N, C-alpha and C. Protein backbone atom coordinates (compact mmCIF):
# COMPACT_ATOMS: atom_id res chain seq x y z
N MET A 1 0.44 -13.96 -5.06
CA MET A 1 -0.59 -13.86 -4.05
C MET A 1 0.07 -14.10 -2.69
N SER A 2 -0.19 -13.21 -1.76
CA SER A 2 0.52 -13.24 -0.48
C SER A 2 -0.18 -14.07 0.59
N HIS A 3 -1.27 -14.71 0.27
CA HIS A 3 -1.99 -15.48 1.27
C HIS A 3 -2.04 -16.94 0.84
N SER A 4 -2.14 -17.86 1.78
CA SER A 4 -2.08 -19.27 1.45
C SER A 4 -3.42 -19.81 0.94
N GLN A 5 -4.53 -19.22 1.34
CA GLN A 5 -5.82 -19.66 0.84
C GLN A 5 -6.03 -19.11 -0.57
N LYS A 6 -6.85 -19.81 -1.35
CA LYS A 6 -7.17 -19.33 -2.69
C LYS A 6 -8.64 -18.94 -2.72
N PRO A 7 -8.95 -17.79 -3.31
CA PRO A 7 -10.36 -17.42 -3.44
C PRO A 7 -11.05 -18.32 -4.46
N SER A 8 -12.32 -18.59 -4.23
CA SER A 8 -13.12 -19.36 -5.18
C SER A 8 -14.57 -18.91 -5.07
N ILE A 9 -15.33 -19.15 -6.10
CA ILE A 9 -16.73 -18.72 -6.13
C ILE A 9 -17.48 -19.32 -4.95
N GLY A 10 -18.22 -18.45 -4.26
CA GLY A 10 -19.02 -18.88 -3.11
C GLY A 10 -18.35 -18.67 -1.77
N ARG A 11 -17.06 -18.39 -1.74
CA ARG A 11 -16.37 -18.15 -0.46
C ARG A 11 -16.74 -16.78 0.08
N ILE A 12 -16.70 -16.65 1.38
CA ILE A 12 -16.99 -15.38 2.05
C ILE A 12 -15.68 -14.65 2.33
N VAL A 13 -15.66 -13.36 2.02
CA VAL A 13 -14.51 -12.50 2.29
C VAL A 13 -15.02 -11.23 2.97
N HIS A 14 -14.11 -10.41 3.46
CA HIS A 14 -14.46 -9.11 4.03
C HIS A 14 -14.00 -8.01 3.09
N VAL A 15 -14.80 -6.93 3.02
CA VAL A 15 -14.47 -5.77 2.20
C VAL A 15 -14.71 -4.50 3.02
N PRO A 16 -14.01 -3.41 2.69
CA PRO A 16 -14.27 -2.14 3.38
C PRO A 16 -15.60 -1.55 2.92
N MET A 17 -16.26 -0.84 3.83
CA MET A 17 -17.54 -0.20 3.53
C MET A 17 -17.60 1.16 4.19
N PRO A 18 -18.28 2.11 3.56
CA PRO A 18 -18.55 3.37 4.26
C PRO A 18 -19.45 3.08 5.46
N PRO A 19 -19.06 3.46 6.66
CA PRO A 19 -19.86 3.15 7.85
C PRO A 19 -21.32 3.62 7.75
N ALA A 20 -21.56 4.74 7.08
CA ALA A 20 -22.93 5.24 6.96
C ALA A 20 -23.83 4.29 6.17
N ALA A 21 -23.25 3.46 5.32
CA ALA A 21 -24.02 2.51 4.51
C ALA A 21 -24.03 1.12 5.12
N ASN A 22 -23.42 0.97 6.31
CA ASN A 22 -23.24 -0.36 6.89
C ASN A 22 -23.46 -0.35 8.40
N ASN A 23 -24.47 0.36 8.86
CA ASN A 23 -24.85 0.39 10.27
C ASN A 23 -23.68 0.73 11.19
N GLY A 24 -22.80 1.63 10.71
CA GLY A 24 -21.69 2.10 11.53
C GLY A 24 -20.40 1.32 11.42
N SER A 25 -20.41 0.17 10.75
CA SER A 25 -19.21 -0.65 10.62
C SER A 25 -18.48 -0.33 9.32
N ASP A 26 -17.15 -0.35 9.36
CA ASP A 26 -16.39 -0.07 8.14
C ASP A 26 -15.95 -1.34 7.41
N THR A 27 -16.50 -2.49 7.82
CA THR A 27 -16.22 -3.77 7.17
C THR A 27 -17.53 -4.51 6.94
N ALA A 28 -17.65 -5.15 5.76
CA ALA A 28 -18.84 -5.93 5.45
C ALA A 28 -18.44 -7.29 4.89
N ALA A 29 -19.35 -8.24 4.99
CA ALA A 29 -19.15 -9.55 4.39
C ALA A 29 -19.52 -9.49 2.91
N ALA A 30 -18.85 -10.28 2.12
CA ALA A 30 -19.14 -10.36 0.69
C ALA A 30 -18.93 -11.79 0.22
N ILE A 31 -19.67 -12.17 -0.80
CA ILE A 31 -19.49 -13.50 -1.38
C ILE A 31 -18.79 -13.36 -2.72
N VAL A 32 -17.82 -14.22 -2.97
CA VAL A 32 -17.06 -14.17 -4.21
C VAL A 32 -17.96 -14.67 -5.35
N THR A 33 -18.06 -13.87 -6.41
CA THR A 33 -18.87 -14.23 -7.57
C THR A 33 -18.03 -14.58 -8.79
N ARG A 34 -16.77 -14.19 -8.78
CA ARG A 34 -15.86 -14.52 -9.88
C ARG A 34 -14.43 -14.38 -9.40
N VAL A 35 -13.58 -15.28 -9.90
CA VAL A 35 -12.14 -15.20 -9.63
C VAL A 35 -11.45 -15.11 -10.98
N ASP A 36 -10.63 -14.10 -11.17
CA ASP A 36 -9.90 -13.98 -12.43
C ASP A 36 -8.90 -15.12 -12.56
N GLU A 37 -8.52 -15.41 -13.78
CA GLU A 37 -7.63 -16.54 -14.06
C GLU A 37 -6.32 -16.46 -13.28
N ASP A 38 -5.82 -15.25 -13.05
CA ASP A 38 -4.55 -15.10 -12.33
C ASP A 38 -4.71 -15.27 -10.82
N GLU A 39 -5.97 -15.41 -10.35
CA GLU A 39 -6.30 -15.56 -8.93
C GLU A 39 -5.85 -14.36 -8.10
N GLU A 40 -5.59 -13.23 -8.75
CA GLU A 40 -5.17 -12.03 -8.04
C GLU A 40 -6.33 -11.07 -7.80
N THR A 41 -7.35 -11.10 -8.64
CA THR A 41 -8.50 -10.21 -8.48
C THR A 41 -9.79 -11.01 -8.47
N ILE A 42 -10.77 -10.48 -7.73
CA ILE A 42 -12.06 -11.15 -7.61
C ILE A 42 -13.19 -10.13 -7.77
N ASN A 43 -14.38 -10.64 -8.06
CA ASN A 43 -15.61 -9.85 -8.03
C ASN A 43 -16.43 -10.37 -6.86
N VAL A 44 -17.20 -9.48 -6.23
CA VAL A 44 -17.99 -9.87 -5.06
C VAL A 44 -19.36 -9.22 -5.07
N ARG A 45 -20.27 -9.83 -4.33
CA ARG A 45 -21.57 -9.24 -3.99
C ARG A 45 -21.51 -8.97 -2.49
N ILE A 46 -21.73 -7.71 -2.11
CA ILE A 46 -21.57 -7.29 -0.72
C ILE A 46 -22.90 -7.38 0.02
N PHE A 47 -22.83 -7.86 1.25
CA PHE A 47 -24.00 -7.95 2.12
C PHE A 47 -23.81 -6.97 3.28
N ALA A 48 -24.23 -5.73 3.04
CA ALA A 48 -24.10 -4.68 4.05
C ALA A 48 -25.15 -4.87 5.14
N ASP A 49 -24.85 -4.37 6.33
CA ASP A 49 -25.79 -4.41 7.45
C ASP A 49 -26.69 -3.19 7.37
N SER A 50 -27.57 -3.21 6.36
CA SER A 50 -28.45 -2.07 6.12
C SER A 50 -29.60 -2.49 5.23
N THR A 51 -30.77 -1.97 5.52
CA THR A 51 -31.91 -2.20 4.63
C THR A 51 -32.04 -1.06 3.62
N ALA A 52 -31.26 -0.02 3.78
CA ALA A 52 -31.37 1.16 2.92
C ALA A 52 -30.74 0.95 1.55
N SER A 53 -29.76 0.08 1.46
CA SER A 53 -29.09 -0.09 0.17
C SER A 53 -29.19 -1.54 -0.31
N PRO A 54 -29.30 -1.72 -1.63
CA PRO A 54 -29.32 -3.08 -2.16
C PRO A 54 -27.94 -3.70 -2.05
N GLN A 55 -27.87 -4.98 -2.29
CA GLN A 55 -26.57 -5.66 -2.26
C GLN A 55 -25.70 -5.06 -3.37
N GLU A 56 -24.56 -4.58 -2.96
CA GLU A 56 -23.66 -3.91 -3.90
C GLU A 56 -22.76 -4.94 -4.57
N TRP A 57 -22.42 -4.69 -5.82
CA TRP A 57 -21.52 -5.54 -6.58
C TRP A 57 -20.25 -4.75 -6.86
N ARG A 58 -19.09 -5.34 -6.57
CA ARG A 58 -17.80 -4.70 -6.87
C ARG A 58 -16.95 -5.64 -7.69
N THR A 59 -16.18 -5.07 -8.59
CA THR A 59 -15.32 -5.86 -9.47
C THR A 59 -13.86 -5.52 -9.27
N SER A 60 -13.02 -6.46 -9.64
CA SER A 60 -11.56 -6.26 -9.67
C SER A 60 -10.97 -5.88 -8.33
N LEU A 61 -11.38 -6.57 -7.28
CA LEU A 61 -10.81 -6.34 -5.95
C LEU A 61 -9.52 -7.11 -5.81
N THR A 62 -8.55 -6.52 -5.12
CA THR A 62 -7.28 -7.20 -4.86
C THR A 62 -7.14 -7.49 -3.37
N HIS A 63 -6.38 -8.50 -3.06
CA HIS A 63 -6.20 -8.93 -1.67
C HIS A 63 -5.36 -7.92 -0.89
N ALA A 64 -5.73 -7.73 0.36
CA ALA A 64 -4.96 -6.91 1.31
C ALA A 64 -4.90 -7.66 2.62
N ASP A 65 -3.79 -7.57 3.31
CA ASP A 65 -3.67 -8.24 4.61
C ASP A 65 -4.58 -7.59 5.64
N GLU A 66 -4.77 -6.27 5.53
CA GLU A 66 -5.66 -5.53 6.43
C GLU A 66 -6.49 -4.56 5.61
N LEU A 67 -7.73 -4.36 6.04
CA LEU A 67 -8.61 -3.41 5.36
C LEU A 67 -8.62 -2.10 6.11
N ALA A 68 -8.73 -1.02 5.37
CA ALA A 68 -8.87 0.30 5.98
C ALA A 68 -9.70 1.15 5.05
N TYR A 69 -10.95 1.39 5.43
CA TYR A 69 -11.79 2.27 4.63
C TYR A 69 -11.28 3.69 4.74
N ASP A 70 -11.08 4.33 3.60
CA ASP A 70 -10.60 5.71 3.56
C ASP A 70 -11.55 6.51 2.67
N PRO A 71 -12.37 7.40 3.25
CA PRO A 71 -13.33 8.14 2.44
C PRO A 71 -12.68 9.04 1.38
N ASP A 72 -11.41 9.34 1.54
CA ASP A 72 -10.71 10.18 0.57
C ASP A 72 -9.97 9.37 -0.51
N ASP A 73 -10.04 8.05 -0.41
CA ASP A 73 -9.33 7.18 -1.35
C ASP A 73 -10.29 6.10 -1.84
N THR A 74 -10.89 6.32 -3.00
CA THR A 74 -11.87 5.34 -3.51
C THR A 74 -11.25 3.99 -3.82
N THR A 75 -9.93 3.93 -4.02
CA THR A 75 -9.31 2.63 -4.27
C THR A 75 -9.36 1.74 -3.03
N SER A 76 -9.55 2.34 -1.86
CA SER A 76 -9.63 1.51 -0.64
C SER A 76 -10.85 0.60 -0.68
N LEU A 77 -11.85 0.93 -1.48
CA LEU A 77 -13.05 0.09 -1.60
C LEU A 77 -12.81 -1.16 -2.45
N TYR A 78 -11.69 -1.22 -3.14
CA TYR A 78 -11.42 -2.34 -4.04
C TYR A 78 -10.35 -3.27 -3.49
N ARG A 79 -10.49 -3.56 -2.20
CA ARG A 79 -9.62 -4.52 -1.50
C ARG A 79 -10.50 -5.55 -0.83
N TRP A 80 -9.93 -6.71 -0.55
CA TRP A 80 -10.64 -7.72 0.21
C TRP A 80 -9.64 -8.45 1.08
N THR A 81 -10.16 -9.12 2.11
CA THR A 81 -9.32 -9.95 2.97
C THR A 81 -10.15 -11.11 3.49
N TRP A 82 -9.47 -12.11 4.01
CA TRP A 82 -10.19 -13.24 4.61
C TRP A 82 -10.72 -12.83 5.98
N PRO A 83 -11.87 -13.36 6.38
CA PRO A 83 -12.35 -13.10 7.74
C PRO A 83 -11.36 -13.66 8.75
N PRO A 84 -11.21 -12.99 9.88
CA PRO A 84 -10.29 -13.52 10.91
C PRO A 84 -10.83 -14.83 11.47
N ARG A 85 -9.94 -15.66 11.90
CA ARG A 85 -10.36 -16.91 12.54
C ARG A 85 -10.80 -16.61 13.97
N ALA A 86 -11.89 -17.23 14.37
CA ALA A 86 -12.41 -16.98 15.73
C ALA A 86 -11.68 -17.81 16.75
């Protein structure tokens, strides 16, 4: 794992989102719902900025230092990162 923090259930992370499903933003907040034993992959519930879609659930996300939503690469949706410090 390339980051010093460890994911745990209930922590907030950022995930890539299609902007059309997230009020124009390509990043959404998500809450960790499961951490695999190896601490390399997590499951999340996504909180998109939209009333049109229900809270999405994604599984087996891996950590990335930076997120980049790519509409031509569905694997880009299965990454997560820590929110930047303000």
